[in-house]
């Protein structure tokens, strides 16, 4: 596949892909943490209100 290209350019591409993948994974982990922190905070601030609304309906 890379017959016309040197191995150096192939490895630099792999390095860029590794770096992009690592950054993407870190970003997704941060988003997941923020989401779970938000949900936990909402449960702590208003658990009785949510239950009351369900009972009234």
N, C-alpha and C. Protein backbone atom coordinates (compact mmCIF):
# COMPACT_ATOMS: atom_id res chain seq x y z
N UNK A 1 0.80 -1.20 0.00
CA UNK A 1 0.00 0.00 0.00
C UNK A 1 0.85 1.27 0.00
N UNK A 2 1.82 1.33 0.87
CA UNK A 2 2.66 2.50 0.98
C UNK A 2 3.97 2.29 0.24
N UNK A 3 3.93 1.71 -0.93
CA UNK A 3 5.15 1.40 -1.67
C UNK A 3 5.91 2.66 -2.06
N UNK A 4 5.22 3.73 -2.38
CA UNK A 4 5.86 4.95 -2.82
C UNK A 4 6.26 5.87 -1.69
N UNK A 5 5.86 5.57 -0.48
CA UNK A 5 6.13 6.45 0.64
C UNK A 5 7.21 5.86 1.53
N UNK A 6 7.94 6.72 2.19
CA UNK A 6 8.96 6.23 3.12
C UNK A 6 8.29 5.80 4.42
N UNK A 7 8.97 4.96 5.16
CA UNK A 7 8.40 4.47 6.41
C UNK A 7 8.31 5.59 7.45
N UNK A 8 9.14 6.63 7.30
CA UNK A 8 9.10 7.73 8.25
C UNK A 8 7.76 8.47 8.19
N UNK A 9 7.25 8.70 6.98
CA UNK A 9 5.97 9.40 6.87
C UNK A 9 4.83 8.53 7.41
N UNK A 10 4.95 7.23 7.23
CA UNK A 10 3.94 6.32 7.76
C UNK A 10 3.93 6.32 9.28
N UNK A 11 5.11 6.35 9.89
CA UNK A 11 5.16 6.35 11.34
C UNK A 11 4.70 7.69 11.91
N UNK A 12 4.99 8.79 11.19
CA UNK A 12 4.52 10.09 11.68
C UNK A 12 3.00 10.17 11.60
N UNK A 13 2.43 9.54 10.58
CA UNK A 13 0.98 9.49 10.48
C UNK A 13 0.40 8.69 11.64
N UNK A 14 1.04 7.56 11.93
CA UNK A 14 0.59 6.74 13.06
C UNK A 14 0.70 7.51 14.37
N UNK A 15 1.78 8.27 14.52
CA UNK A 15 1.94 9.07 15.73
C UNK A 15 0.84 10.12 15.85
N UNK A 16 0.51 10.76 14.72
CA UNK A 16 -0.58 11.75 14.74
C UNK A 16 -1.91 11.10 15.08
N UNK A 17 -2.15 9.92 14.51
CA UNK A 17 -3.40 9.22 14.80
C UNK A 17 -3.47 8.80 16.27
N UNK A 18 -2.36 8.33 16.81
CA UNK A 18 -2.32 7.95 18.23
C UNK A 18 -2.62 9.15 19.11
N UNK A 19 -2.01 10.28 18.78
CA UNK A 19 -2.22 11.49 19.57
C UNK A 19 -3.67 11.96 19.49
N UNK A 20 -4.24 11.90 18.28
CA UNK A 20 -5.63 12.31 18.12
C UNK A 20 -6.57 11.37 18.87
N UNK A 21 -6.29 10.09 18.82
CA UNK A 21 -7.12 9.11 19.53
C UNK A 21 -7.04 9.32 21.03
N UNK A 22 -5.84 9.58 21.52
CA UNK A 22 -5.65 9.81 22.96
C UNK A 22 -6.39 11.06 23.41
N UNK A 23 -6.31 12.12 22.62
CA UNK A 23 -7.01 13.37 22.96
C UNK A 23 -8.52 13.17 22.92
N UNK A 24 -9.00 12.43 21.93
CA UNK A 24 -10.42 12.17 21.81
C UNK A 24 -10.92 11.36 23.00
N UNK A 25 -10.16 10.34 23.39
CA UNK A 25 -10.55 9.52 24.52
C UNK A 25 -10.58 10.34 25.81
N UNK A 26 -9.59 11.18 26.00
CA UNK A 26 -9.55 12.04 27.18
C UNK A 26 -10.75 12.99 27.21
N UNK A 27 -11.09 13.55 26.05
CA UNK A 27 -12.24 14.46 25.96
C UNK A 27 -13.54 13.73 26.29
N UNK A 28 -13.70 12.52 25.75
CA UNK A 28 -14.91 11.74 26.01
C UNK A 28 -15.02 11.34 27.47
N UNK A 29 -13.90 11.00 28.10
CA UNK A 29 -13.91 10.67 29.52
C UNK A 29 -14.32 11.88 30.36
N UNK A 30 -13.79 13.04 30.00
CA UNK A 30 -14.13 14.27 30.72
C UNK A 30 -15.61 14.59 30.58
N UNK A 31 -16.16 14.39 29.37
CA UNK A 31 -17.58 14.63 29.15
C UNK A 31 -18.42 13.66 29.97
N UNK A 32 -18.01 12.41 30.03
CA UNK A 32 -18.76 11.40 30.79
C UNK A 32 -18.72 11.74 32.28
N UNK A 33 -17.55 12.17 32.77
CA UNK A 33 -17.44 12.55 34.18
C UNK A 33 -18.34 13.74 34.48
N UNK A 34 -18.36 14.72 33.61
CA UNK A 34 -19.19 15.90 33.81
C UNK A 34 -20.67 15.52 33.83
N UNK A 35 -21.05 14.61 32.93
CA UNK A 35 -22.43 14.16 32.89
C UNK A 35 -22.83 13.45 34.17
N UNK A 36 -21.99 12.55 34.67
CA UNK A 36 -22.33 11.82 35.89
C UNK A 36 -22.32 12.75 37.09
N UNK A 37 -21.42 13.74 37.11
CA UNK A 37 -21.41 14.72 38.20
C UNK A 37 -22.69 15.54 38.19
N UNK A 38 -23.15 15.94 36.99
CA UNK A 38 -24.39 16.70 36.87
C UNK A 38 -25.58 15.90 37.38
N UNK A 39 -25.66 14.64 36.96
CA UNK A 39 -26.77 13.79 37.39
C UNK A 39 -26.75 13.58 38.89
N UNK A 40 -25.59 13.37 39.47
CA UNK A 40 -25.48 13.17 40.91
C UNK A 40 -25.89 14.42 41.67
N UNK A 41 -25.49 15.58 41.13
CA UNK A 41 -25.84 16.84 41.77
C UNK A 41 -27.35 17.08 41.72
N UNK A 42 -27.98 16.76 40.60
CA UNK A 42 -29.43 16.94 40.47
C UNK A 42 -30.17 16.02 41.42
N UNK A 43 -29.69 14.79 41.60
CA UNK A 43 -30.35 13.85 42.50
C UNK A 43 -30.24 14.33 43.94
N UNK A 44 -29.13 14.95 44.31
CA UNK A 44 -28.94 15.43 45.67
C UNK A 44 -29.77 16.67 45.95
N UNK A 45 -29.98 17.53 44.97
CA UNK A 45 -30.66 18.80 45.21
C UNK A 45 -32.18 18.67 45.23
N UNK A 46 -32.75 17.76 44.44
CA UNK A 46 -34.21 17.71 44.35
C UNK A 46 -34.77 16.30 44.20
N UNK A 47 -34.41 15.35 45.05
CA UNK A 47 -34.98 14.01 44.89
C UNK A 47 -36.45 13.95 45.32
N UNK A 48 -36.82 14.70 46.36
CA UNK A 48 -38.20 14.63 46.83
C UNK A 48 -39.16 15.34 45.87
N UNK A 49 -38.71 16.39 45.23
CA UNK A 49 -39.56 17.10 44.28
C UNK A 49 -39.91 16.22 43.09
N UNK A 50 -38.94 15.49 42.58
CA UNK A 50 -39.17 14.60 41.45
C UNK A 50 -40.17 13.51 41.84
N UNK A 51 -40.00 12.93 43.02
CA UNK A 51 -40.92 11.88 43.46
C UNK A 51 -42.32 12.43 43.68
N UNK A 52 -42.45 13.64 44.18
CA UNK A 52 -43.75 14.24 44.43
C UNK A 52 -44.48 14.49 43.11
N UNK A 53 -43.75 14.97 42.08
CA UNK A 53 -44.38 15.22 40.80
C UNK A 53 -44.90 13.92 40.19
N UNK A 54 -44.18 12.83 40.35
CA UNK A 54 -44.63 11.55 39.81
C UNK A 54 -45.88 11.05 40.52
N UNK A 55 -45.96 11.29 41.84
CA UNK A 55 -47.12 10.83 42.60
C UNK A 55 -48.37 11.65 42.29
N UNK A 56 -48.20 12.94 41.98
CA UNK A 56 -49.34 13.81 41.69
C UNK A 56 -49.99 13.47 40.35
N UNK A 57 -49.20 12.92 39.41
CA UNK A 57 -49.68 12.69 38.05
C UNK A 57 -50.58 11.55 37.96
